PDB file of N, CA and C in Angstrom:
ATOM      1  N   UNK A   1      46.852  -9.134  -7.063  1.00  0.00           N
ATOM      2  CA  UNK A   1      45.618  -9.590  -6.810  1.00  0.00           C
ATOM      3  C   UNK A   1      44.477  -8.992  -7.533  1.00  0.00           C
ATOM      4  N   UNK A   2      43.529  -9.931  -8.301  1.00  0.00           N
ATOM      5  CA  UNK A   2      42.505  -8.930  -9.080  1.00  0.00           C
ATOM      6  C   UNK A   2      41.452  -8.891  -7.961  1.00  0.00           C
ATOM      7  N   UNK A   3      40.615  -7.842  -8.087  1.00  0.00           N
ATOM      8  CA  UNK A   3      39.562  -7.389  -7.145  1.00  0.00           C
ATOM      9  C   UNK A   3      38.279  -7.892  -8.051  1.00  0.00           C
ATOM     10  N   UNK A   4      37.418  -8.582  -7.298  1.00  0.00           N
ATOM     11  CA  UNK A   4      36.279  -9.268  -7.771  1.00  0.00           C
ATOM     12  C   UNK A   4      35.184  -8.323  -7.456  1.00  0.00           C
ATOM     13  N   UNK A   5      34.229  -8.483  -8.410  1.00  0.00           N
ATOM     14  CA  UNK A   5      32.956  -7.221  -8.295  1.00  0.00           C
ATOM     15  C   UNK A   5      32.180  -7.964  -7.348  1.00  0.00           C
ATOM     16  N   UNK A   6      31.593  -7.431  -6.408  1.00  0.00           N
ATOM     17  CA  UNK A   6      30.553  -7.861  -5.456  1.00  0.00           C
ATOM     18  C   UNK A   6      29.157  -7.388  -5.628  1.00  0.00           C
ATOM     19  N   UNK A   7      29.022  -6.642  -6.515  1.00  0.00           N
ATOM     20  CA  UNK A   7      27.721  -6.314  -6.960  1.00  0.00           C
ATOM     21  C   UNK A   7      27.120  -7.359  -7.904  1.00  0.00           C
ATOM     22  N   UNK A   8      25.939  -8.055  -7.578  1.00  0.00           N
ATOM     23  CA  UNK A   8      25.218  -8.756  -8.429  1.00  0.00           C
ATOM     24  C   UNK A   8      25.349  -8.549  -9.893  1.00  0.00           C
ATOM     25  N   UNK A   9      24.901  -6.971 -10.007  1.00  0.00           N
ATOM     26  CA  UNK A   9      24.644  -6.476 -11.245  1.00  0.00           C
ATOM     27  C   UNK A   9      25.934  -6.397 -12.203  1.00  0.00           C
ATOM     28  N   UNK A  10      26.999  -6.722 -11.479  1.00  0.00           N
ATOM     29  CA  UNK A  10      28.213  -6.873 -12.161  1.00  0.00           C
ATOM     30  C   UNK A  10      28.628  -8.245 -12.741  1.00  0.00           C
ATOM     31  N   UNK A  11      28.205  -9.092 -12.084  1.00  0.00           N
ATOM     32  CA  UNK A  11      28.464 -10.464 -12.195  1.00  0.00           C
ATOM     33  C   UNK A  11      27.492 -10.912 -12.909  1.00  0.00           C
ATOM     34  N   UNK A  12      26.206 -11.089 -12.754  1.00  0.00           N
ATOM     35  CA  UNK A  12      25.195 -11.581 -13.442  1.00  0.00           C
ATOM     36  C   UNK A  12      25.209 -11.529 -15.019  1.00  0.00           C
ATOM     37  N   UNK A  13      25.477 -10.560 -15.638  1.00  0.00           N
ATOM     38  CA  UNK A  13      25.591 -10.342 -17.069  1.00  0.00           C
ATOM     39  C   UNK A  13      26.314 -11.451 -17.599  1.00  0.00           C
ATOM     40  N   UNK A  14      27.443 -11.842 -16.610  1.00  0.00           N
ATOM     41  CA  UNK A  14      28.462 -12.845 -17.572  1.00  0.00           C
ATOM     42  C   UNK A  14      27.960 -14.312 -17.036  1.00  0.00           C
ATOM     43  N   UNK A  15      27.062 -14.345 -16.018  1.00  0.00           N
ATOM     44  CA  UNK A  15      26.819 -15.658 -15.600  1.00  0.00           C
ATOM     45  C   UNK A  15      25.655 -16.450 -15.731  1.00  0.00           C
ATOM     46  N   UNK A  16      24.633 -15.307 -16.101  1.00  0.00           N
ATOM     47  CA  UNK A  16      23.245 -15.822 -16.172  1.00  0.00           C
ATOM     48  C   UNK A  16      22.780 -15.318 -17.467  1.00  0.00           C
ATOM     49  N   UNK A  17      22.436 -16.542 -18.347  1.00  0.00           N
ATOM     50  CA  UNK A  17      22.186 -16.499 -19.642  1.00  0.00           C
ATOM     51  C   UNK A  17      20.773 -15.792 -19.694  1.00  0.00           C
ATOM     52  N   UNK A  18      19.725 -16.352 -18.749  1.00  0.00           N
ATOM     53  CA  UNK A  18      18.589 -15.362 -18.854  1.00  0.00           C
ATOM     54  C   UNK A  18      18.493 -13.986 -18.508  1.00  0.00           C
ATOM     55  N   UNK A  19      19.494 -13.469 -17.752  1.00  0.00           N
ATOM     56  CA  UNK A  19      19.785 -11.959 -17.202  1.00  0.00           C
ATOM     57  C   UNK A  19      20.250 -11.523 -18.410  1.00  0.00           C
ATOM     58  N   UNK A  20      21.040 -11.946 -19.204  1.00  0.00           N
ATOM     59  CA  UNK A  20      21.556 -11.503 -20.458  1.00  0.00           C
ATOM     60  C   UNK A  20      20.804 -11.231 -21.554  1.00  0.00           C
ATOM     61  N   UNK A  21      19.881 -12.158 -21.627  1.00  0.00           N
ATOM     62  CA  UNK A  21      18.853 -12.127 -22.732  1.00  0.00           C
ATOM     63  C   UNK A  21      17.831 -10.846 -22.283  1.00  0.00           C
ATOM     64  N   UNK A  22      17.627 -10.875 -20.986  1.00  0.00           N
ATOM     65  CA  UNK A  22      16.646  -9.719 -20.704  1.00  0.00           C
ATOM     66  C   UNK A  22      17.240  -8.353 -20.818  1.00  0.00           C
ATOM     67  N   UNK A  23      18.552  -8.448 -20.629  1.00  0.00           N
ATOM     68  CA  UNK A  23      19.385  -6.985 -20.653  1.00  0.00           C
ATOM     69  C   UNK A  23      19.637  -6.709 -21.962  1.00  0.00           C
ATOM     70  N   UNK A  24      19.425  -7.827 -22.986  1.00  0.00           N
ATOM     71  CA  UNK A  24      19.562  -7.451 -24.339  1.00  0.00           C
ATOM     72  C   UNK A  24      18.161  -6.799 -24.939  1.00  0.00           C
ATOM     73  N   UNK A  25      17.234  -7.435 -24.434  1.00  0.00           N
ATOM     74  CA  UNK A  25      15.818  -7.108 -24.615  1.00  0.00           C
ATOM     75  C   UNK A  25      15.501  -5.827 -24.053  1.00  0.00           C
ATOM     76  N   UNK A  26      15.919  -5.473 -22.987  1.00  0.00           N
ATOM     77  CA  UNK A  26      15.740  -4.170 -22.346  1.00  0.00           C
ATOM     78  C   UNK A  26      16.415  -3.085 -22.848  1.00  0.00           C
ATOM     79  N   UNK A  27      17.502  -3.178 -23.622  1.00  0.00           N
ATOM     80  CA  UNK A  27      18.417  -2.276 -24.588  1.00  0.00           C
ATOM     81  C   UNK A  27      17.552  -1.984 -25.800  1.00  0.00           C
ATOM     82  N   UNK A  28      17.268  -3.222 -26.302  1.00  0.00           N
ATOM     83  CA  UNK A  28      16.372  -3.074 -27.804  1.00  0.00           C
ATOM     84  C   UNK A  28      15.353  -2.079 -27.427  1.00  0.00           C
ATOM     85  N   UNK A  29      14.465  -2.311 -26.259  1.00  0.00           N
ATOM     86  CA  UNK A  29      13.198  -1.284 -26.295  1.00  0.00           C
ATOM     87  C   UNK A  29      13.739   0.097 -26.064  1.00  0.00           C
ATOM     88  N   UNK A  30      14.894   0.091 -25.123  1.00  0.00           N
ATOM     89  CA  UNK A  30      15.429   1.402 -24.948  1.00  0.00           C
ATOM     90  C   UNK A  30      15.791   2.184 -26.299  1.00  0.00           C
ATOM     91  N   UNK A  31      16.356   1.341 -27.255  1.00  0.00           N
ATOM     92  CA  UNK A  31      16.783   2.044 -28.671  1.00  0.00           C
ATOM     93  C   UNK A  31      15.626   2.291 -29.310  1.00  0.00           C
ATOM     94  N   UNK A  32      14.622   1.486 -29.122  1.00  0.00           N
ATOM     95  CA  UNK A  32      13.320   1.715 -29.927  1.00  0.00           C
ATOM     96  C   UNK A  32      12.698   2.869 -29.522  1.00  0.00           C
ATOM     97  N   UNK A  33      12.570   3.099 -28.228  1.00  0.00           N
ATOM     98  CA  UNK A  33      11.998   4.294 -27.796  1.00  0.00           C
ATOM     99  C   UNK A  33      12.800   5.504 -28.104  1.00  0.00           C
ATOM    100  N   UNK A  34      14.110   5.584 -28.227  1.00  0.00           N
ATOM    101  CA  UNK A  34      14.997   6.658 -28.327  1.00  0.00           C
ATOM    102  C   UNK A  34      14.564   7.206 -29.889  1.00  0.00           C
ATOM    103  N   UNK A  35      14.542   6.014 -30.808  1.00  0.00           N
ATOM    104  CA  UNK A  35      14.400   6.148 -32.404  1.00  0.00           C
ATOM    105  C   UNK A  35      12.648   6.803 -32.195  1.00  0.00           C
ATOM    106  N   UNK A  36      11.961   6.395 -31.493  1.00  0.00           N
ATOM    107  CA  UNK A  36      10.550   6.789 -31.781  1.00  0.00           C
ATOM    108  C   UNK A  36      10.500   8.161 -31.329  1.00  0.00           C
ATOM    109  N   UNK A  37      11.253   8.819 -30.161  1.00  0.00           N
ATOM    110  CA  UNK A  37      11.214  10.100 -29.869  1.00  0.00           C
ATOM    111  C   UNK A  37      12.059  11.067 -30.561  1.00  0.00           C
ATOM    112  N   UNK A  38      12.777  10.659 -31.380  1.00  0.00           N
ATOM    113  CA  UNK A  38      13.497  11.554 -32.321  1.00  0.00           C
ATOM    114  C   UNK A  38      12.752  12.355 -33.040  1.00  0.00           C
ATOM    115  N   UNK A  39      11.437  11.841 -33.487  1.00  0.00           N
ATOM    116  CA  UNK A  39      10.409  12.323 -34.284  1.00  0.00           C
ATOM    117  C   UNK A  39      10.032  13.707 -33.537  1.00  0.00           C
ATOM    118  N   UNK A  40       9.809  14.683 -34.315  1.00  0.00           N
ATOM    119  CA  UNK A  40       9.137  15.971 -33.868  1.00  0.00           C
ATOM    120  C   UNK A  40       7.555  16.045 -33.575  1.00  0.00           C
ATOM    121  N   UNK A  41       6.978  15.029 -34.185  1.00  0.00           N
ATOM    122  CA  UNK A  41       5.739  15.067 -34.051  1.00  0.00           C
ATOM    123  C   UNK A  41       5.296  13.428 -33.752  1.00  0.00           C
ATOM    124  N   UNK A  42       4.677  12.990 -32.971  1.00  0.00           N
ATOM    125  CA  UNK A  42       4.225  11.525 -32.628  1.00  0.00           C
ATOM    126  C   UNK A  42       2.778  11.517 -32.990  1.00  0.00           C
ATOM    127  N   UNK A  43       2.096  10.835 -33.700  1.00  0.00           N
ATOM    128  CA  UNK A  43       0.800  10.403 -33.996  1.00  0.00           C
ATOM    129  C   UNK A  43       0.338   9.493 -32.951  1.00  0.00           C
ATOM    130  N   UNK A  44      -0.851   9.100 -32.930  1.00  0.00           N
ATOM    131  CA  UNK A  44      -1.614   8.371 -32.013  1.00  0.00           C
ATOM    132  C   UNK A  44      -0.972   7.016 -32.143  1.00  0.00           C
ATOM    133  N   UNK A  45      -0.571   6.515 -32.958  1.00  0.00           N
ATOM    134  CA  UNK A  45       0.147   4.983 -33.157  1.00  0.00           C
ATOM    135  C   UNK A  45       1.448   5.101 -32.507  1.00  0.00           C
ATOM    136  N   UNK A  46       2.156   6.192 -32.822  1.00  0.00           N
ATOM    137  CA  UNK A  46       3.553   6.442 -32.285  1.00  0.00           C
ATOM    138  C   UNK A  46       3.589   6.571 -30.532  1.00  0.00           C
ATOM    139  N   UNK A  47       2.306   7.157 -30.237  1.00  0.00           N
ATOM    140  CA  UNK A  47       2.357   7.309 -28.813  1.00  0.00           C
ATOM    141  C   UNK A  47       1.798   6.006 -28.090  1.00  0.00           C
ATOM    142  N   UNK A  48       1.045   5.445 -28.801  1.00  0.00           N
ATOM    143  CA  UNK A  48       0.590   4.178 -28.149  1.00  0.00           C
ATOM    144  C   UNK A  48       1.731   2.933 -28.306  1.00  0.00           C
ATOM    145  N   UNK A  49       2.482   3.020 -29.337  1.00  0.00           N
ATOM    146  CA  UNK A  49       3.621   2.197 -29.256  1.00  0.00           C
ATOM    147  C   UNK A  49       4.881   2.830 -28.244  1.00  0.00           C
ATOM    148  N   UNK A  50       4.723   3.903 -28.155  1.00  0.00           N
ATOM    149  CA  UNK A  50       5.774   4.303 -26.838  1.00  0.00           C
ATOM    150  C   UNK A  50       5.327   3.909 -25.577  1.00  0.00           C
ATOM    151  N   UNK A  51       4.015   3.934 -25.489  1.00  0.00           N
ATOM    152  CA  UNK A  51       3.462   3.370 -23.994  1.00  0.00           C
ATOM    153  C   UNK A  51       3.915   1.827 -23.987  1.00  0.00           C
ATOM    154  N   UNK A  52       3.531   1.192 -25.214  1.00  0.00           N
ATOM    155  CA  UNK A  52       3.914  -0.405 -25.102  1.00  0.00           C
ATOM    156  C   UNK A  52       5.313  -0.758 -24.933  1.00  0.00           C
ATOM    157  N   UNK A  53       6.199   0.100 -25.495  1.00  0.00           N
ATOM    158  CA  UNK A  53       7.606  -0.069 -25.297  1.00  0.00           C
ATOM    159  C   UNK A  53       7.937   0.168 -23.790  1.00  0.00           C
ATOM    160  N   UNK A  54       7.401   0.979 -23.103  1.00  0.00           N
ATOM    161  CA  UNK A  54       7.718   1.586 -21.869  1.00  0.00           C
ATOM    162  C   UNK A  54       7.206   0.432 -20.961  1.00  0.00           C
ATOM    163  N   UNK A  55       6.199  -0.019 -21.195  1.00  0.00           N
ATOM    164  CA  UNK A  55       5.702  -1.146 -20.376  1.00  0.00           C
ATOM    165  C   UNK A  55       6.363  -2.504 -20.499  1.00  0.00           C
ATOM    166  N   UNK A  56       6.871  -2.795 -21.750  1.00  0.00           N
ATOM    167  CA  UNK A  56       7.560  -3.754 -21.960  1.00  0.00           C
ATOM    168  C   UNK A  56       8.918  -3.740 -21.183  1.00  0.00           C
ATOM    169  N   UNK A  57       9.525  -2.510 -21.607  1.00  0.00           N
ATOM    170  CA  UNK A  57      10.931  -2.201 -20.979  1.00  0.00           C
ATOM    171  C   UNK A  57      10.743  -2.370 -19.160  1.00  0.00           C
ATOM    172  N   UNK A  58       9.636  -1.900 -18.842  1.00  0.00           N
ATOM    173  CA  UNK A  58       9.683  -2.056 -17.199  1.00  0.00           C
ATOM    174  C   UNK A  58       9.064  -3.611 -16.849  1.00  0.00           C
ATOM    175  N   UNK A  59       8.392  -4.350 -17.717  1.00  0.00           N
ATOM    176  CA  UNK A  59       8.224  -5.411 -17.257  1.00  0.00           C
ATOM    177  C   UNK A  59       9.575  -6.386 -17.344  1.00  0.00           C
ATOM    178  N   UNK A  60      10.597  -6.150 -18.263  1.00  0.00           N
ATOM    179  CA  UNK A  60      11.978  -6.847 -18.301  1.00  0.00           C
ATOM    180  C   UNK A  60      12.716  -6.310 -17.142  1.00  0.00           C
ATOM    181  N   UNK A  61      12.765  -5.112 -16.985  1.00  0.00           N
ATOM    182  CA  UNK A  61      13.633  -4.755 -15.773  1.00  0.00           C
ATOM    183  C   UNK A  61      13.028  -5.321 -14.372  1.00  0.00           C
ATOM    184  N   UNK A  62      11.764  -5.514 -14.292  1.00  0.00           N
ATOM    185  CA  UNK A  62      11.200  -6.231 -13.220  1.00  0.00           C
ATOM    186  C   UNK A  62      11.705  -7.747 -13.071  1.00  0.00           C
ATOM    187  N   UNK A  63      11.641  -8.247 -14.342  1.00  0.00           N
ATOM    188  CA  UNK A  63      12.304  -9.644 -14.397  1.00  0.00           C
ATOM    189  C   UNK A  63      13.983  -9.830 -13.933  1.00  0.00           C
ATOM    190  N   UNK A  64      14.528  -9.059 -14.688  1.00  0.00           N
ATOM    191  CA  UNK A  64      15.944  -8.678 -14.072  1.00  0.00           C
ATOM    192  C   UNK A  64      16.084  -8.680 -12.775  1.00  0.00           C
ATOM    193  N   UNK A  65      15.194  -7.688 -12.030  1.00  0.00           N
ATOM    194  CA  UNK A  65      15.515  -7.255 -10.664  1.00  0.00           C
ATOM    195  C   UNK A  65      15.173  -8.703  -9.840  1.00  0.00           C
ATOM    196  N   UNK A  66      13.989  -9.359 -10.443  1.00  0.00           N
ATOM    197  CA  UNK A  66      13.627 -10.547  -9.849  1.00  0.00           C
ATOM    198  C   UNK A  66      15.031 -11.693  -9.625  1.00  0.00           C
ATOM    199  N   UNK A  67      15.396 -11.687 -10.661  1.00  0.00           N
ATOM    200  CA  UNK A  67      16.875 -12.624 -10.909  1.00  0.00           C
ATOM    201  C   UNK A  67      17.874 -12.154  -9.770  1.00  0.00           C
ATOM    202  N   UNK A  68      17.938 -10.831  -9.945  1.00  0.00           N
ATOM    203  CA  UNK A  68      19.082 -10.262  -8.781  1.00  0.00           C
ATOM    204  C   UNK A  68      18.623 -10.678  -7.328  1.00  0.00           C
ATOM    205  N   UNK A  69      17.073 -10.395  -6.925  1.00  0.00           N
ATOM    206  CA  UNK A  69      16.805 -10.706  -5.511  1.00  0.00           C
ATOM    207  C   UNK A  69      17.059 -12.393  -5.341  1.00  0.00           C
ATOM    208  N   UNK A  70      16.519 -13.342  -6.362  1.00  0.00           N
ATOM    209  CA  UNK A  70      16.755 -14.773  -6.021  1.00  0.00           C
ATOM    210  C   UNK A  70      18.357 -15.254  -5.777  1.00  0.00           C
ATOM    211  N   UNK A  71      18.996 -14.490  -6.732  1.00  0.00           N
ATOM    212  CA  UNK A  71      20.422 -14.734  -6.322  1.00  0.00           C
ATOM    213  C   UNK A  71      20.956 -14.247  -4.945  1.00  0.00           C
ATOM    214  N   UNK A  72      20.679 -12.901  -4.675  1.00  0.00           N
ATOM    215  CA  UNK A  72      21.113 -12.286  -3.520  1.00  0.00           C
ATOM    216  C   UNK A  72      20.430 -13.272  -2.360  1.00  0.00           C
ATOM    217  N   UNK A  73      19.392 -13.600  -2.439  1.00  0.00           N
ATOM    218  CA  UNK A  73      18.737 -14.538  -1.246  1.00  0.00           C
ATOM    219  C   UNK A  73      19.130 -15.751  -1.361  1.00  0.00           C
ATOM    220  N   UNK A  74      19.635 -16.508  -2.377  1.00  0.00           N
ATOM    221  CA  UNK A  74      20.110 -17.886  -2.487  1.00  0.00           C
ATOM    222  C   UNK A  74      18.843 -18.551  -3.074  1.00  0.00           C
ATOM    223  N   UNK A  75      18.077 -17.936  -3.745  1.00  0.00           N
ATOM    224  CA  UNK A  75      16.669 -18.659  -3.893  1.00  0.00           C
ATOM    225  C   UNK A  75      16.900 -19.288  -5.353  1.00  0.00           C
ATOM    226  N   UNK A  76      16.257 -20.527  -5.459  1.00  0.00           N
ATOM    227  CA  UNK A  76      16.413 -21.376  -6.615  1.00  0.00           C
ATOM    228  C   UNK A  76      15.917 -20.755  -7.769  1.00  0.00           C
ATOM    229  N   UNK A  77      16.168 -20.735  -8.864  1.00  0.00           N
ATOM    230  CA  UNK A  77      15.843 -20.015 -10.245  1.00  0.00           C
ATOM    231  C   UNK A  77      14.403 -21.005 -10.635  1.00  0.00           C
ATOM    232  N   UNK A  78      13.396 -20.160 -11.055  1.00  0.00           N
ATOM    233  CA  UNK A  78      12.134 -20.717 -11.306  1.00  0.00           C
ATOM    234  C   UNK A  78      11.984 -20.853 -12.764  1.00  0.00           C
TER     235      UNK A  78
END
C-alpha cells in the first residue's frame, strides 16, 4: 500500500500549475541572489538588485502560501 503525502506542500507542486510556476520563479530568484552574493564586492546597483530580488522572492512566496491556504480551507482559486 502506497503512503500518500498529506502535506499540501508535497501535493501542490504536482497538481497546481500556478503553484509550479511560482515555485520555479522563486527558485530562479534564489539562484540570481546566490550568483549576486558570490561577488566579494557589491556596488550600489548590485545592492539595489539584491533588495529587488529579495522582495520579488518574498512576494512569490506569499502567493504560494495563499494558494496553500486556499486549498487547505477549501476556498476557490481566484
